[in-house]
Amino acid sequence: MSEFKQKTSVERLRDMYLDCEPKDHPEIDFESHEKAYEEVMTMVEEIQDNSINNGGSTDYYKVPFWATTLQDLIEFKKMSFSQGNILNAIYRCNDETHSEYERELNKIIWFANRELKRIQRGE
C-alpha cells in the first residue's frame, strides 16, 4: 500500500519552476538558467521565512483528501493506541450527547500518562 504524501510549498514551487513556460512567468528571467534558479530559490526562502512561527497554516496541518473519519487521521499519522484515544476524546469534549466534559478530560490525562509510560519503557 503506498503512503499518501502531500507536497510542501517548496516542492510545489520547484515543480512550478521545472514545468513552467517563460511566457507564463514574466517575473522570472529565463535567459539565464542559473539566474532563474536563483530567483526561484529566493522566492522559496521568502516563503519559508514567512511561514515560520507566524501562526498561519502549514503543510503538516493539512488533512489528506481521502480522510473522512478520525480513524483515517489516526492511521494516516500512524498514532499509537493511546494517541488515537486522546484524539478521539478531544474530538468528543464538547459533545454532550456522548459523555460529560470532565470525563473526557480524565480520559485524555489517563491515555497521556499511558503514552508517557510506553515511551519511558523505550517502546
PDB file of N, CA and C in Angstrom:
ATOM      1  N   MET A   1       0.851  -1.175   0.000  1.00  0.00           N
ATOM      2  CA  MET A   1       0.000   0.000   0.000  1.00  0.00           C
ATOM      3  C   MET A   1       0.896   1.237   0.000  1.00  0.00           C
ATOM      4  N   SER A   2       0.673   2.149  -0.921  1.00  0.00           N
ATOM      5  CA  SER A   2       1.500   3.342  -0.977  1.00  0.00           C
ATOM      6  C   SER A   2       0.972   4.393  -0.012  1.00  0.00           C
ATOM      7  N   GLU A   3       1.914   5.128   0.566  1.00  0.00           N
ATOM      8  CA  GLU A   3       1.549   6.150   1.537  1.00  0.00           C
ATOM      9  C   GLU A   3       1.271   7.464   0.818  1.00  0.00           C
ATOM     10  N   PHE A   4       0.199   8.127   1.201  1.00  0.00           N
ATOM     11  CA  PHE A   4      -0.166   9.413   0.634  1.00  0.00           C
ATOM     12  C   PHE A   4       0.779  10.470   1.176  1.00  0.00           C
ATOM     13  N   LYS A   5       1.347  11.301   0.300  1.00  0.00           N
ATOM     14  CA  LYS A   5       2.248  12.362   0.746  1.00  0.00           C
ATOM     15  C   LYS A   5       1.874  13.633   0.018  1.00  0.00           C
ATOM     16  N   GLN A   6       1.530  14.644   0.783  1.00  0.00           N
ATOM     17  CA  GLN A   6       1.235  15.930   0.186  1.00  0.00           C
ATOM     18  C   GLN A   6       2.530  16.666  -0.077  1.00  0.00           C
ATOM     19  N   LYS A   7       2.560  17.438  -1.157  1.00  0.00           N
ATOM     20  CA  LYS A   7       3.754  18.215  -1.475  1.00  0.00           C
ATOM     21  C   LYS A   7       3.829  19.444  -0.590  1.00  0.00           C
ATOM     22  N   THR A   8       5.047  19.790  -0.221  1.00  0.00           N
ATOM     23  CA  THR A   8       5.264  21.002   0.548  1.00  0.00           C
ATOM     24  C   THR A   8       5.225  22.203  -0.388  1.00  0.00           C
ATOM     25  N   SER A   9       5.176  23.390   0.182  1.00  0.00           N
ATOM     26  CA  SER A   9       5.194  24.610  -0.623  1.00  0.00           C
ATOM     27  C   SER A   9       6.457  24.676  -1.463  1.00  0.00           C
ATOM     28  N   VAL A  10       7.567  24.267  -0.882  1.00  0.00           N
ATOM     29  CA  VAL A  10       8.836  24.285  -1.606  1.00  0.00           C
ATOM     30  C   VAL A  10       8.789  23.328  -2.792  1.00  0.00           C
ATOM     31  N   GLU A  11       8.261  22.131  -2.582  1.00  0.00           N
ATOM     32  CA  GLU A  11       8.166  21.157  -3.673  1.00  0.00           C
ATOM     33  C   GLU A  11       7.250  21.660  -4.783  1.00  0.00           C
ATOM     34  N   ARG A  12       6.114  22.294  -4.396  1.00  0.00           N
ATOM     35  CA  ARG A  12       5.210  22.833  -5.417  1.00  0.00           C
ATOM     36  C   ARG A  12       5.878  23.947  -6.214  1.00  0.00           C
ATOM     37  N   LEU A  13       6.645  24.805  -5.536  1.00  0.00           N
ATOM     38  CA  LEU A  13       7.327  25.887  -6.226  1.00  0.00           C
ATOM     39  C   LEU A  13       8.407  25.336  -7.154  1.00  0.00           C
ATOM     40  N   ARG A  14       9.141  24.332  -6.693  1.00  0.00           N
ATOM     41  CA  ARG A  14      10.158  23.706  -7.543  1.00  0.00           C
ATOM     42  C   ARG A  14       9.508  23.086  -8.773  1.00  0.00           C
ATOM     43  N   ASP A  15       8.392  22.397  -8.582  1.00  0.00           N
ATOM     44  CA  ASP A  15       7.688  21.805  -9.723  1.00  0.00           C
ATOM     45  C   ASP A  15       7.203  22.871 -10.688  1.00  0.00           C
ATOM     46  N   MET A  16       6.713  23.982 -10.138  1.00  0.00           N
ATOM     47  CA  MET A  16       6.271  25.080 -10.990  1.00  0.00           C
ATOM     48  C   MET A  16       7.438  25.553 -11.850  1.00  0.00           C
ATOM     49  N   TYR A  17       8.608  25.690 -11.245  1.00  0.00           N
ATOM     50  CA  TYR A  17       9.780  26.141 -11.977  1.00  0.00           C
ATOM     51  C   TYR A  17      10.142  25.147 -13.080  1.00  0.00           C
ATOM     52  N   LEU A  18      10.130  23.865 -12.747  1.00  0.00           N
ATOM     53  CA  LEU A  18      10.531  22.850 -13.715  1.00  0.00           C
ATOM     54  C   LEU A  18       9.534  22.714 -14.864  1.00  0.00           C
ATOM     55  N   ASP A  19       8.251  22.960 -14.596  1.00  0.00           N
ATOM     56  CA  ASP A  19       7.209  22.745 -15.597  1.00  0.00           C
ATOM     57  C   ASP A  19       6.760  24.012 -16.327  1.00  0.00           C
ATOM     58  N   CYS A  20       7.234  25.162 -15.894  1.00  0.00           N
ATOM     59  CA  CYS A  20       6.653  26.395 -16.421  1.00  0.00           C
ATOM     60  C   CYS A  20       7.282  26.836 -17.739  1.00  0.00           C
ATOM     61  N   GLU A  21       6.537  27.642 -18.433  1.00  0.00           N
ATOM     62  CA  GLU A  21       6.972  28.263 -19.675  1.00  0.00           C
ATOM     63  C   GLU A  21       7.339  29.711 -19.364  1.00  0.00           C
ATOM     64  N   PRO A  22       8.388  30.236 -19.980  1.00  0.00           N
ATOM     65  CA  PRO A  22       8.792  31.619 -19.722  1.00  0.00           C
ATOM     66  C   PRO A  22       7.671  32.633 -19.898  1.00  0.00           C
ATOM     67  N   LYS A  23       6.830  32.440 -20.908  1.00  0.00           N
ATOM     68  CA  LYS A  23       5.753  33.407 -21.156  1.00  0.00           C
ATOM     69  C   LYS A  23       4.721  33.439 -20.025  1.00  0.00           C
ATOM     70  N   ASP A  24       4.639  32.341 -19.254  1.00  0.00           N
ATOM     71  CA  ASP A  24       3.680  32.271 -18.155  1.00  0.00           C
ATOM     72  C   ASP A  24       4.173  32.959 -16.887  1.00  0.00           C
ATOM     73  N   HIS A  25       5.475  33.251 -16.831  1.00  0.00           N
ATOM     74  CA  HIS A  25       6.066  33.831 -15.625  1.00  0.00           C
ATOM     75  C   HIS A  25       7.020  34.958 -15.981  1.00  0.00           C
ATOM     76  N   PRO A  26       6.482  36.127 -16.327  1.00  0.00           N
ATOM     77  CA  PRO A  26       7.339  37.241 -16.725  1.00  0.00           C
ATOM     78  C   PRO A  26       8.246  37.738 -15.601  1.00  0.00           C
ATOM     79  N   GLU A  27       7.929  37.385 -14.351  1.00  0.00           N
ATOM     80  CA  GLU A  27       8.749  37.834 -13.231  1.00  0.00           C
ATOM     81  C   GLU A  27      10.086  37.099 -13.152  1.00  0.00           C
ATOM     82  N   ILE A  28      10.244  36.009 -13.912  1.00  0.00           N
ATOM     83  CA  ILE A  28      11.483  35.232 -13.908  1.00  0.00           C
ATOM     84  C   ILE A  28      12.201  35.417 -15.237  1.00  0.00           C
ATOM     85  N   ASP A  29      13.473  35.728 -15.161  1.00  0.00           N
ATOM     86  CA  ASP A  29      14.306  35.892 -16.350  1.00  0.00           C
ATOM     87  C   ASP A  29      14.826  34.523 -16.762  1.00  0.00           C
ATOM     88  N   PHE A  30      14.244  33.957 -17.813  1.00  0.00           N
ATOM     89  CA  PHE A  30      14.636  32.621 -18.253  1.00  0.00           C
ATOM     90  C   PHE A  30      15.807  32.644 -19.231  1.00  0.00           C
ATOM     91  N   GLU A  31      16.346  33.843 -19.504  1.00  0.00           N
ATOM     92  CA  GLU A  31      17.500  33.925 -20.391  1.00  0.00           C
ATOM     93  C   GLU A  31      18.676  33.169 -19.793  1.00  0.00           C
ATOM     94  N   SER A  32      18.800  33.248 -18.520  1.00  0.00           N
ATOM     95  CA  SER A  32      19.898  32.572 -17.839  1.00  0.00           C
ATOM     96  C   SER A  32      19.307  31.564 -16.865  1.00  0.00           C
ATOM     97  N   HIS A  33      19.551  30.288 -17.097  1.00  0.00           N
ATOM     98  CA  HIS A  33      19.025  29.238 -16.229  1.00  0.00           C
ATOM     99  C   HIS A  33      19.476  29.458 -14.789  1.00  0.00           C
ATOM    100  N   GLU A  34      20.739  29.792 -14.617  1.00  0.00           N
ATOM    101  CA  GLU A  34      21.265  29.978 -13.273  1.00  0.00           C
ATOM    102  C   GLU A  34      20.572  31.135 -12.567  1.00  0.00           C
ATOM    103  N   LYS A  35      20.361  32.219 -13.287  1.00  0.00           N
ATOM    104  CA  LYS A  35      19.688  33.376 -12.683  1.00  0.00           C
ATOM    105  C   LYS A  35      18.248  33.019 -12.318  1.00  0.00           C
ATOM    106  N   ALA A  36      17.560  32.306 -13.203  1.00  0.00           N
ATOM    107  CA  ALA A  36      16.181  31.899 -12.925  1.00  0.00           C
ATOM    108  C   ALA A  36      16.126  31.011 -11.691  1.00  0.00           C
ATOM    109  N   TYR A  37      17.061  30.085 -11.602  1.00  0.00           N
ATOM    110  CA  TYR A  37      17.088  29.194 -10.450  1.00  0.00           C
ATOM    111  C   TYR A  37      17.300  29.989  -9.162  1.00  0.00           C
ATOM    112  N   GLU A  38      18.227  30.940  -9.193  1.00  0.00           N
ATOM    113  CA  GLU A  38      18.476  31.771  -8.017  1.00  0.00           C
ATOM    114  C   GLU A  38      17.232  32.570  -7.635  1.00  0.00           C
ATOM    115  N   GLU A  39      16.507  33.071  -8.622  1.00  0.00           N
ATOM    116  CA  GLU A  39      15.286  33.831  -8.338  1.00  0.00           C
ATOM    117  C   GLU A  39      14.229  32.937  -7.691  1.00  0.00           C
ATOM    118  N   VAL A  40      14.107  31.721  -8.201  1.00  0.00           N
ATOM    119  CA  VAL A  40      13.142  30.786  -7.616  1.00  0.00           C
ATOM    120  C   VAL A  40      13.548  30.451  -6.186  1.00  0.00           C
ATOM    121  N   MET A  41      14.822  30.196  -5.960  1.00  0.00           N
ATOM    122  CA  MET A  41      15.272  29.863  -4.614  1.00  0.00           C
ATOM    123  C   MET A  41      15.083  31.042  -3.660  1.00  0.00           C
ATOM    124  N   THR A  42      15.222  32.268  -4.151  1.00  0.00           N
ATOM    125  CA  THR A  42      14.945  33.450  -3.324  1.00  0.00           C
ATOM    126  C   THR A  42      13.475  33.467  -2.928  1.00  0.00           C
ATOM    127  N   MET A  43      12.586  33.152  -3.889  1.00  0.00           N
ATOM    128  CA  MET A  43      11.154  33.080  -3.587  1.00  0.00           C
ATOM    129  C   MET A  43      10.883  31.999  -2.539  1.00  0.00           C
ATOM    130  N   VAL A  44      11.550  30.855  -2.681  1.00  0.00           N
ATOM    131  CA  VAL A  44      11.383  29.745  -1.738  1.00  0.00           C
ATOM    132  C   VAL A  44      11.793  30.194  -0.341  1.00  0.00           C
ATOM    133  N   GLU A  45      12.941  30.863  -0.227  1.00  0.00           N
ATOM    134  CA  GLU A  45      13.409  31.341   1.073  1.00  0.00           C
ATOM    135  C   GLU A  45      12.415  32.322   1.688  1.00  0.00           C
ATOM    136  N   GLU A  46      11.836  33.183   0.861  1.00  0.00           N
ATOM    137  CA  GLU A  46      10.844  34.135   1.369  1.00  0.00           C
ATOM    138  C   GLU A  46       9.618  33.410   1.897  1.00  0.00           C
ATOM    139  N   ILE A  47       9.185  32.381   1.181  1.00  0.00           N
ATOM    140  CA  ILE A  47       8.031  31.591   1.623  1.00  0.00           C
ATOM    141  C   ILE A  47       8.357  30.926   2.956  1.00  0.00           C
ATOM    142  N   GLN A  48       9.535  30.323   3.052  1.00  0.00           N
ATOM    143  CA  GLN A  48       9.914  29.640   4.281  1.00  0.00           C
ATOM    144  C   GLN A  48      10.035  30.629   5.430  1.00  0.00           C
ATOM    145  N   ASP A  49      10.656  31.781   5.203  1.00  0.00           N
ATOM    146  CA  ASP A  49      10.797  32.784   6.255  1.00  0.00           C
ATOM    147  C   ASP A  49       9.438  33.274   6.734  1.00  0.00           C
ATOM    148  N   ASN A  50       8.498  33.450   5.805  1.00  0.00           N
ATOM    149  CA  ASN A  50       7.178  33.957   6.168  1.00  0.00           C
ATOM    150  C   ASN A  50       6.320  32.915   6.864  1.00  0.00           C
ATOM    151  N   SER A  51       6.654  31.639   6.722  1.00  0.00           N
ATOM    152  CA  SER A  51       5.809  30.598   7.302  1.00  0.00           C
ATOM    153  C   SER A  51       6.267  30.165   8.686  1.00  0.00           C
ATOM    154  N   ILE A  52       7.425  30.633   9.135  1.00  0.00           N
ATOM    155  CA  ILE A  52       7.949  30.205  10.423  1.00  0.00           C
ATOM    156  C   ILE A  52       7.302  31.013  11.547  1.00  0.00           C
ATOM    157  N   ASN A  53       6.635  30.320  12.458  1.00  0.00           N
ATOM    158  CA  ASN A  53       6.062  30.929  13.654  1.00  0.00           C
ATOM    159  C   ASN A  53       5.162  32.128  13.386  1.00  0.00           C
ATOM    160  N   ASN A  54       4.465  32.124  12.281  1.00  0.00           N
ATOM    161  CA  ASN A  54       3.572  33.256  12.013  1.00  0.00           C
ATOM    162  C   ASN A  54       2.122  32.944  12.357  1.00  0.00           C
ATOM    163  N   GLY A  55       1.881  31.753  12.851  1.00  0.00           N
ATOM    164  CA  GLY A  55       0.528  31.377  13.227  1.00  0.00           C
ATOM    165  C   GLY A  55      -0.346  30.969  12.050  1.00  0.00           C
ATOM    166  N   GLY A  56       0.204  31.026  10.863  1.00  0.00           N
ATOM    167  CA  GLY A  56      -0.557  30.653   9.672  1.00  0.00           C
ATOM    168  C   GLY A  56      -0.589  29.144   9.488  1.00  0.00           C
ATOM    169  N   SER A  57      -1.293  28.733   8.464  1.00  0.00           N
ATOM    170  CA  SER A  57      -1.413  27.316   8.156  1.00  0.00           C
ATOM    171  C   SER A  57      -0.101  26.790   7.594  1.00  0.00           C
ATOM    172  N   THR A  58       0.254  25.577   7.982  1.00  0.00           N
ATOM    173  CA  THR A  58       1.444  24.934   7.457  1.00  0.00           C
ATOM    174  C   THR A  58       1.065  23.582   6.876  1.00  0.00           C
ATOM    175  N   ASP A  59       1.946  23.039   6.054  1.00  0.00           N
ATOM    176  CA  ASP A  59       1.644  21.794   5.366  1.00  0.00           C
ATOM    177  C   ASP A  59       1.362  20.632   6.314  1.00  0.00           C
ATOM    178  N   TYR A  60       1.988  20.613   7.478  1.00  0.00           N
ATOM    179  CA  TYR A  60       1.776  19.462   8.353  1.00  0.00           C
ATOM    180  C   TYR A  60       0.409  19.451   9.019  1.00  0.00           C
ATOM    181  N   TYR A  61      -0.381  20.502   8.849  1.00  0.00           N
ATOM    182  CA  TYR A  61      -1.751  20.503   9.358  1.00  0.00           C
ATOM    183  C   TYR A  61      -2.768  20.094   8.290  1.00  0.00           C
ATOM    184  N   LYS A  62      -2.321  19.903   7.075  1.00  0.00           N
ATOM    185  CA  LYS A  62      -3.253  19.559   6.004  1.00  0.00           C
ATOM    186  C   LYS A  62      -3.752  18.132   6.162  1.00  0.00           C
ATOM    187  N   VAL A  63      -5.013  17.949   5.884  1.00  0.00           N
ATOM    188  CA  VAL A  63      -5.659  16.643   6.005  1.00  0.00           C
ATOM    189  C   VAL A  63      -5.697  16.001   4.622  1.00  0.00           C
ATOM    190  N   PRO A  64      -5.330  14.716   4.523  1.00  0.00           N
ATOM    191  CA  PRO A  64      -5.393  14.051   3.218  1.00  0.00           C
ATOM    192  C   PRO A  64      -6.819  14.093   2.663  1.00  0.00           C
ATOM    193  N   PHE A  65      -6.949  14.206   1.367  1.00  0.00           N
ATOM    194  CA  PHE A  65      -8.259  14.340   0.736  1.00  0.00           C
ATOM    195  C   PHE A  65      -9.158  13.149   1.014  1.00  0.00           C
ATOM    196  N   TRP A  66      -8.574  11.979   1.250  1.00  0.00           N
ATOM    197  CA  TRP A  66      -9.368  10.763   1.434  1.00  0.00           C
ATOM    198  C   TRP A  66      -9.796  10.548   2.884  1.00  0.00           C
ATOM    199  N   ALA A  67      -9.272  11.346   3.808  1.00  0.00           N
ATOM    200  CA  ALA A  67      -9.596  11.166   5.224  1.00  0.00           C
ATOM    201  C   ALA A  67     -10.985  11.718   5.520  1.00  0.00           C
ATOM    202  N   THR A  68     -11.882  10.837   5.913  1.00  0.00           N
ATOM    203  CA  THR A  68     -13.253  11.258   6.208  1.00  0.00           C
ATOM    204  C   THR A  68     -13.648  11.006   7.655  1.00  0.00           C
ATOM    205  N   THR A  69     -12.798  10.285   8.399  1.00  0.00           N
ATOM    206  CA  THR A  69     -13.097   9.985   9.798  1.00  0.00           C
ATOM    207  C   THR A  69     -11.846  10.208  10.654  1.00  0.00           C
ATOM    208  N   LEU A  70     -12.056  10.266  11.961  1.00  0.00           N
ATOM    209  CA  LEU A  70     -10.901  10.357  12.859  1.00  0.00           C
ATOM    210  C   LEU A  70     -10.005   9.139  12.703  1.00  0.00           C
ATOM    211  N   GLN A  71     -10.597   7.985  12.501  1.00  0.00           N
ATOM    212  CA  GLN A  71      -9.804   6.764  12.322  1.00  0.00           C
ATOM    213  C   GLN A  71      -8.864   6.899  11.123  1.00  0.00           C
ATOM    214  N   ASP A  72      -9.331   7.530  10.034  1.00  0.00           N
ATOM    215  CA  ASP A  72      -8.467   7.767   8.879  1.00  0.00           C
ATOM    216  C   ASP A  72      -7.259   8.613   9.275  1.00  0.00           C
ATOM    217  N   LEU A  73      -7.496   9.661  10.072  1.00  0.00           N
ATOM    218  CA  LEU A  73      -6.396  10.529  10.506  1.00  0.00           C
ATOM    219  C   LEU A  73      -5.440   9.795  11.437  1.00  0.00           C
ATOM    220  N   ILE A  74      -5.990   8.999  12.337  1.00  0.00           N
ATOM    221  CA  ILE A  74      -5.168   8.238  13.271  1.00  0.00           C
ATOM    222  C   ILE A  74      -4.243   7.287  12.504  1.00  0.00           C
ATOM    223  N   GLU A  75      -4.788   6.602  11.531  1.00  0.00           N
ATOM    224  CA  GLU A  75      -3.976   5.679  10.729  1.00  0.00           C
ATOM    225  C   GLU A  75      -2.975   6.437   9.858  1.00  0.00           C
ATOM    226  N   PHE A  76      -3.397   7.549   9.263  1.00  0.00           N
ATOM    227  CA  PHE A  76      -2.511   8.341   8.407  1.00  0.00           C
ATOM    228  C   PHE A  76      -1.303   8.849   9.198  1.00  0.00           C
ATOM    229  N   LYS A  77      -1.532   9.279  10.430  1.00  0.00           N
ATOM    230  CA  LYS A  77      -0.451   9.804  11.266  1.00  0.00           C
ATOM    231  C   LYS A  77       0.271   8.701  12.040  1.00  0.00           C
ATOM    232  N   LYS A  78      -0.137   7.443  11.835  1.00  0.00           N
ATOM    233  CA  LYS A  78       0.481   6.288  12.497  1.00  0.00           C
ATOM    234  C   LYS A  78       0.529   6.480  14.020  1.00  0.00           C
ATOM    235  N   MET A  79      -0.608   6.884  14.569  1.00  0.00           N
ATOM    236  CA  MET A  79      -0.692   7.122  16.008  1.00  0.00           C
ATOM    237  C   MET A  79      -0.745   5.810  16.771  1.00  0.00           C
ATOM    238  N   SER A  80      -0.235   5.867  17.980  1.00  0.00           N
ATOM    239  CA  SER A  80      -0.325   4.715  18.878  1.00  0.00           C
ATOM    240  C   SER A  80      -1.768   4.604  19.378  1.00  0.00           C
ATOM    241  N   PHE A  81      -2.035   3.519  20.095  1.00  0.00           N
ATOM    242  CA  PHE A  81      -3.353   3.311  20.676  1.00  0.00           C
ATOM    243  C   PHE A  81      -3.745   4.496  21.565  1.00  0.00           C
ATOM    244  N   SER A  82      -2.821   4.900  22.439  1.00  0.00           N
ATOM    245  CA  SER A  82      -3.112   5.997  23.368  1.00  0.00           C
ATOM    246  C   SER A  82      -3.310   7.318  22.627  1.00  0.00           C
ATOM    247  N   GLN A  83      -2.451   7.603  21.658  1.00  0.00           N
ATOM    248  CA  GLN A  83      -2.593   8.845  20.893  1.00  0.00           C
ATOM    249  C   GLN A  83      -3.945   8.907  20.194  1.00  0.00           C
ATOM    250  N   GLY A  84      -4.363   7.783  19.619  1.00  0.00           N
ATOM    251  CA  GLY A  84      -5.654   7.732  18.949  1.00  0.00           C
ATOM    252  C   GLY A  84      -6.806   7.988  19.907  1.00  0.00           C
ATOM    253  N   ASN A  85      -6.700   7.414  21.092  1.00  0.00           N
ATOM    254  CA  ASN A  85      -7.748   7.633  22.093  1.00  0.00           C
ATOM    255  C   ASN A  85      -7.765   9.072  22.593  1.00  0.00           C
ATOM    256  N   ILE A  86      -6.598   9.696  22.685  1.00  0.00           N
ATOM    257  CA  ILE A  86      -6.538  11.107  23.078  1.00  0.00           C
ATOM    258  C   ILE A  86      -7.236  11.959  22.023  1.00  0.00           C
ATOM    259  N   LEU A  87      -6.942  11.702  20.743  1.00  0.00           N
ATOM    260  CA  LEU A  87      -7.590  12.462  19.672  1.00  0.00           C
ATOM    261  C   LEU A  87      -9.105  12.272  19.712  1.00  0.00           C
ATOM    262  N   ASN A  88      -9.541  11.040  19.896  1.00  0.00           N
ATOM    263  CA  ASN A  88     -10.983  10.776  19.978  1.00  0.00           C
ATOM    264  C   ASN A  88     -11.619  11.524  21.145  1.00  0.00           C
ATOM    265  N   ALA A  89     -10.952  11.503  22.305  1.00  0.00           N
ATOM    266  CA  ALA A  89     -11.507  12.174  23.487  1.00  0.00           C
ATOM    267  C   ALA A  89     -11.556  13.684  23.289  1.00  0.00           C
ATOM    268  N   ILE A  90     -10.523  14.245  22.680  1.00  0.00           N
ATOM    269  CA  ILE A  90     -10.523  15.687  22.399  1.00  0.00           C
ATOM    270  C   ILE A  90     -11.679  16.038  21.470  1.00  0.00           C
ATOM    271  N   TYR A  91     -11.879  15.224  20.452  1.00  0.00           N
ATOM    272  CA  TYR A  91     -12.950  15.479  19.494  1.00  0.00           C
ATOM    273  C   TYR A  91     -14.324  15.447  20.168  1.00  0.00           C
ATOM    274  N   ARG A  92     -14.468  14.559  21.163  1.00  0.00           N
ATOM    275  CA  ARG A  92     -15.754  14.413  21.850  1.00  0.00           C
ATOM    276  C   ARG A  92     -15.967  15.411  22.983  1.00  0.00           C
ATOM    277  N   CYS A  93     -14.942  16.179  23.351  1.00  0.00           N
ATOM    278  CA  CYS A  93     -15.007  17.028  24.551  1.00  0.00           C
ATOM    279  C   CYS A  93     -16.265  17.887  24.651  1.00  0.00           C
ATOM    280  N   ASN A  94     -16.717  18.471  23.625  1.00  0.00           N
ATOM    281  CA  ASN A  94     -17.885  19.354  23.705  1.00  0.00           C
ATOM    282  C   ASN A  94     -19.160  18.705  23.185  1.00  0.00           C
ATOM    283  N   ASP A  95     -19.127  17.398  23.047  1.00  0.00           N
ATOM    284  CA  ASP A  95     -20.299  16.664  22.592  1.00  0.00           C
ATOM    285  C   ASP A  95     -21.051  16.126  23.801  1.00  0.00           C
ATOM    286  N   GLU A  96     -22.041  16.858  24.235  1.00  0.00           N
ATOM    287  CA  GLU A  96     -22.773  16.487  25.447  1.00  0.00           C
ATOM    288  C   GLU A  96     -23.582  15.209  25.290  1.00  0.00           C
ATOM    289  N   THR A  97     -23.804  14.782  24.058  1.00  0.00           N
ATOM    290  CA  THR A  97     -24.584  13.558  23.868  1.00  0.00           C
ATOM    291  C   THR A  97     -23.750  12.319  24.156  1.00  0.00           C
ATOM    292  N   HIS A  98     -22.438  12.438  24.177  1.00  0.00           N
ATOM    293  CA  HIS A  98     -21.578  11.270  24.408  1.00  0.00           C
ATOM    294  C   HIS A  98     -21.301  11.074  25.898  1.00  0.00           C
ATOM    295  N   SER A  99     -20.604  12.003  26.489  1.00  0.00           N
ATOM    296  CA  SER A  99     -20.310  11.919  27.930  1.00  0.00           C
ATOM    297  C   SER A  99     -19.945  13.302  28.442  1.00  0.00           C
ATOM    298  N   GLU A 100     -19.791  13.393  29.740  1.00  0.00           N
ATOM    299  CA  GLU A 100     -19.502  14.686  30.348  1.00  0.00           C
ATOM    300  C   GLU A 100     -18.086  15.149  30.002  1.00  0.00           C
ATOM    301  N   TYR A 101     -17.932  16.449  29.935  1.00  0.00           N
ATOM    302  CA  TYR A 101     -16.669  17.091  29.594  1.00  0.00           C
ATOM    303  C   TYR A 101     -15.544  16.631  30.530  1.00  0.00           C
ATOM    304  N   GLU A 102     -15.821  16.613  31.820  1.00  0.00           N
ATOM    305  CA  GLU A 102     -14.800  16.216  32.792  1.00  0.00           C
ATOM    306  C   GLU A 102     -14.345  14.771  32.567  1.00  0.00           C
ATOM    307  N   ARG A 103     -15.271  13.898  32.205  1.00  0.00           N
ATOM    308  CA  ARG A 103     -14.925  12.500  31.937  1.00  0.00           C
ATOM    309  C   ARG A 103     -13.971  12.408  30.744  1.00  0.00           C
ATOM    310  N   GLU A 104     -14.232  13.195  29.686  1.00  0.00           N
ATOM    311  CA  GLU A 104     -13.356  13.185  28.506  1.00  0.00           C
ATOM    312  C   GLU A 104     -11.969  13.729  28.864  1.00  0.00           C
ATOM    313  N   LEU A 105     -11.921  14.771  29.693  1.00  0.00           N
ATOM    314  CA  LEU A 105     -10.623  15.298  30.129  1.00  0.00           C
ATOM    315  C   LEU A 105      -9.840  14.265  30.924  1.00  0.00           C
ATOM    316  N   ASN A 106     -10.535  13.524  31.781  1.00  0.00           N
ATOM    317  CA  ASN A 106      -9.873  12.465  32.544  1.00  0.00           C
ATOM    318  C   ASN A 106      -9.349  11.360  31.631  1.00  0.00           C
ATOM    319  N   LYS A 107     -10.076  11.051  30.564  1.00  0.00           N
ATOM    320  CA  LYS A 107      -9.596  10.061  29.591  1.00  0.00           C
ATOM    321  C   LYS A 107      -8.312  10.554  28.923  1.00  0.00           C
ATOM    322  N   ILE A 108      -8.298  11.838  28.564  1.00  0.00           N
ATOM    323  CA  ILE A 108      -7.110  12.410  27.923  1.00  0.00           C
ATOM    324  C   ILE A 108      -5.907  12.274  28.854  1.00  0.00           C
ATOM    325  N   ILE A 109      -6.085  12.606  30.118  1.00  0.00           N
ATOM    326  CA  ILE A 109      -4.999  12.506  31.101  1.00  0.00           C
ATOM    327  C   ILE A 109      -4.558  11.055  31.254  1.00  0.00           C
ATOM    328  N   TRP A 110      -5.514  10.136  31.365  1.00  0.00           N
ATOM    329  CA  TRP A 110      -5.197   8.728  31.555  1.00  0.00           C
ATOM    330  C   TRP A 110      -4.395   8.187  30.366  1.00  0.00           C
ATOM    331  N   PHE A 111      -4.859   8.485  29.150  1.00  0.00           N
ATOM    332  CA  PHE A 111      -4.149   7.990  27.964  1.00  0.00           C
ATOM    333  C   PHE A 111      -2.804   8.696  27.772  1.00  0.00           C
ATOM    334  N   ALA A 112      -2.703   9.975  28.161  1.00  0.00           N
ATOM    335  CA  ALA A 112      -1.421  10.678  28.087  1.00  0.00           C
ATOM    336  C   ALA A 112      -0.417  10.032  29.040  1.00  0.00           C
ATOM    337  N   ASN A 113      -0.847   9.698  30.247  1.00  0.00           N
ATOM    338  CA  ASN A 113       0.033   9.008  31.200  1.00  0.00           C
ATOM    339  C   ASN A 113       0.442   7.640  30.676  1.00  0.00           C
ATOM    340  N   ARG A 114      -0.489   6.935  30.069  1.00  0.00           N
ATOM    341  CA  ARG A 114      -0.190   5.623  29.483  1.00  0.00           C
ATOM    342  C   ARG A 114       0.855   5.764  28.379  1.00  0.00           C
ATOM    343  N   GLU A 115       0.712   6.789  27.538  1.00  0.00           N
ATOM    344  CA  GLU A 115       1.660   7.026  26.447  1.00  0.00           C
ATOM    345  C   GLU A 115       3.043   7.393  26.998  1.00  0.00           C
ATOM    346  N   LEU A 116       3.073   8.219  28.055  1.00  0.00           N
ATOM    347  CA  LEU A 116       4.356   8.545  28.684  1.00  0.00           C
ATOM    348  C   LEU A 116       5.067   7.302  29.208  1.00  0.00           C
ATOM    349  N   LYS A 117       4.320   6.424  29.854  1.00  0.00           N
ATOM    350  CA  LYS A 117       4.908   5.183  30.371  1.00  0.00           C
ATOM    351  C   LYS A 117       5.429   4.322  29.230  1.00  0.00           C
ATOM    352  N   ARG A 118       4.701   4.289  28.111  1.00  0.00           N
ATOM    353  CA  ARG A 118       5.119   3.491  26.957  1.00  0.00           C
ATOM    354  C   ARG A 118       6.458   3.996  26.414  1.00  0.00           C
ATOM    355  N   ILE A 119       6.592   5.296  26.255  1.00  0.00           N
ATOM    356  CA  ILE A 119       7.846   5.817  25.698  1.00  0.00           C
ATOM    357  C   ILE A 119       8.988   5.741  26.717  1.00  0.00           C
ATOM    358  N   GLN A 120       8.654   5.824  27.995  1.00  0.00           N
ATOM    359  CA  GLN A 120       9.694   5.677  29.028  1.00  0.00           C
ATOM    360  C   GLN A 120      10.237   4.251  29.073  1.00  0.00           C
ATOM    361  N   ARG A 121       9.418   3.277  28.664  1.00  0.00           N
ATOM    362  CA  ARG A 121       9.879   1.886  28.575  1.00  0.00           C
ATOM    363  C   ARG A 121      10.712   1.659  27.318  1.00  0.00           C
ATOM    364  N   GLY A 122      10.743   2.666  26.451  1.00  0.00           N
ATOM    365  CA  GLY A 122      11.526   2.553  25.216  1.00  0.00           C
ATOM    366  C   GLY A 122      10.780   1.906  24.073  1.00  0.00           C
ATOM    367  N   GLU A 123       9.491   1.869  24.156  1.00  0.00           N
ATOM    368  CA  GLU A 123       8.693   1.244  23.082  1.00  0.00           C
ATOM    369  C   GLU A 123       8.369   2.243  22.000  1.00  0.00           C
TER     370      GLU A 123
END
